[in-house]
Protein backbone atom coordinates (compact mmCIF):
# COMPACT_ATOMS: atom_id res chain seq x y z
CA UNK A 1 -10.83 19.18 -4.19
CA UNK A 2 -12.72 16.33 -5.78
CA UNK A 3 -11.60 13.61 -3.34
CA UNK A 4 -12.03 12.86 0.35
CA UNK A 5 -10.37 10.17 2.41
CA UNK A 6 -12.35 9.33 5.53
CA UNK A 7 -10.07 8.01 8.22
CA UNK A 8 -9.39 7.81 11.97
CA UNK A 9 -6.57 9.02 14.13
CA UNK A 10 -3.95 6.33 14.82
CA UNK A 11 -5.35 3.97 12.19
CA UNK A 12 -2.73 1.65 10.65
CA UNK A 13 -5.08 0.71 7.82
CA UNK A 14 -5.56 4.38 7.05
CA UNK A 15 -1.80 4.78 6.90
CA UNK A 16 -1.62 1.82 4.50
CA UNK A 17 -4.34 3.37 2.32
CA UNK A 18 -2.50 6.68 2.14
CA UNK A 19 0.64 4.86 1.04
CA UNK A 20 -1.31 3.03 -1.68
CA UNK A 21 -2.75 6.32 -2.90
CA UNK A 22 0.75 7.82 -3.05
CA UNK A 23 1.92 4.77 -4.99
CA UNK A 24 -1.00 5.18 -7.40
CA UNK A 25 -0.09 8.82 -8.01
CA UNK A 26 -3.41 9.97 -6.63
CA UNK A 27 -4.40 13.63 -7.13
CA UNK A 28 -4.82 15.86 -4.08
CA UNK A 29 -7.53 15.00 -1.58
CA UNK A 30 -8.97 16.20 1.70
CA UNK A 31 -8.49 14.02 4.77
CA UNK A 32 -11.52 13.91 7.04
CA UNK A 33 -11.17 12.29 10.42
CA UNK A 34 -14.39 10.71 11.63
CA UNK A 35 -13.42 10.33 15.30
CA UNK A 36 -15.16 13.46 16.61
CA UNK A 37 -18.11 13.54 14.20
CA UNK A 38 -21.16 11.61 15.31
CA UNK A 39 -22.77 11.51 11.85
CA UNK A 40 -19.58 10.27 10.11
CA UNK A 41 -18.94 7.84 12.94
CA UNK A 42 -22.44 6.41 12.45
CA UNK A 43 -21.95 6.21 8.70
CA UNK A 44 -18.45 4.73 8.53
CA UNK A 45 -17.70 3.27 11.93
CA UNK A 46 -15.07 0.60 11.51
CA UNK A 47 -15.23 0.72 7.71
CA UNK A 48 -12.51 3.37 7.29
CA UNK A 49 -10.47 4.12 5.35
CA UNK A 50 -12.89 5.15 2.59
CA UNK A 51 -12.01 7.11 -0.51
CA UNK A 52 -14.91 9.21 -1.83
CA UNK A 53 -15.42 11.22 -5.03
CA UNK A 54 -17.01 14.36 -3.69
CA UNK A 55 -19.20 15.22 -6.71
CA UNK A 56 -20.58 11.76 -7.50
CA UNK A 57 -20.55 10.37 -3.96
CA UNK A 58 -18.99 7.11 -5.22
CA UNK A 59 -16.78 5.36 -2.72
CA UNK A 60 -13.88 2.95 -2.72
CA UNK A 61 -13.61 1.10 0.56
CA UNK A 62 -10.57 -0.56 1.99
CA UNK A 63 -8.90 -2.84 1.11
CA UNK A 64 -7.63 -1.63 -2.27
CA UNK A 65 -4.31 -1.67 -4.07
CA UNK A 66 -2.74 0.90 -6.44
CA UNK A 67 -4.19 -0.75 -9.56
CA UNK A 68 -7.69 -0.78 -8.08
CA UNK A 69 -7.37 2.84 -7.05
CA UNK A 70 -6.19 3.91 -10.53
CA UNK A 71 -9.08 1.99 -12.12
CA UNK A 72 -11.52 3.71 -9.77
CA UNK A 73 -10.05 7.12 -10.65
CA UNK A 74 -10.48 6.41 -14.38
CA UNK A 75 -13.99 5.09 -13.90
CA UNK A 76 -15.21 8.07 -11.89
CA UNK A 77 -13.55 10.87 -13.85
């Protein structure tokens, strides 16, 4: 898959981001939970949720809406 959503367990902002991505008609993505990964925790900390394009490394950080997500998708692909 080309997309990753970095998130935490029990994260209401992450739940909101997933709802926005569903609204935007987002393609499939992998969910990666940073809670138990020291490197990801150090990188993202409280910045989750973060949407990342795997190949380019470009990221869209919360907050974003469906229109912003769609624009990001078009810009990256």
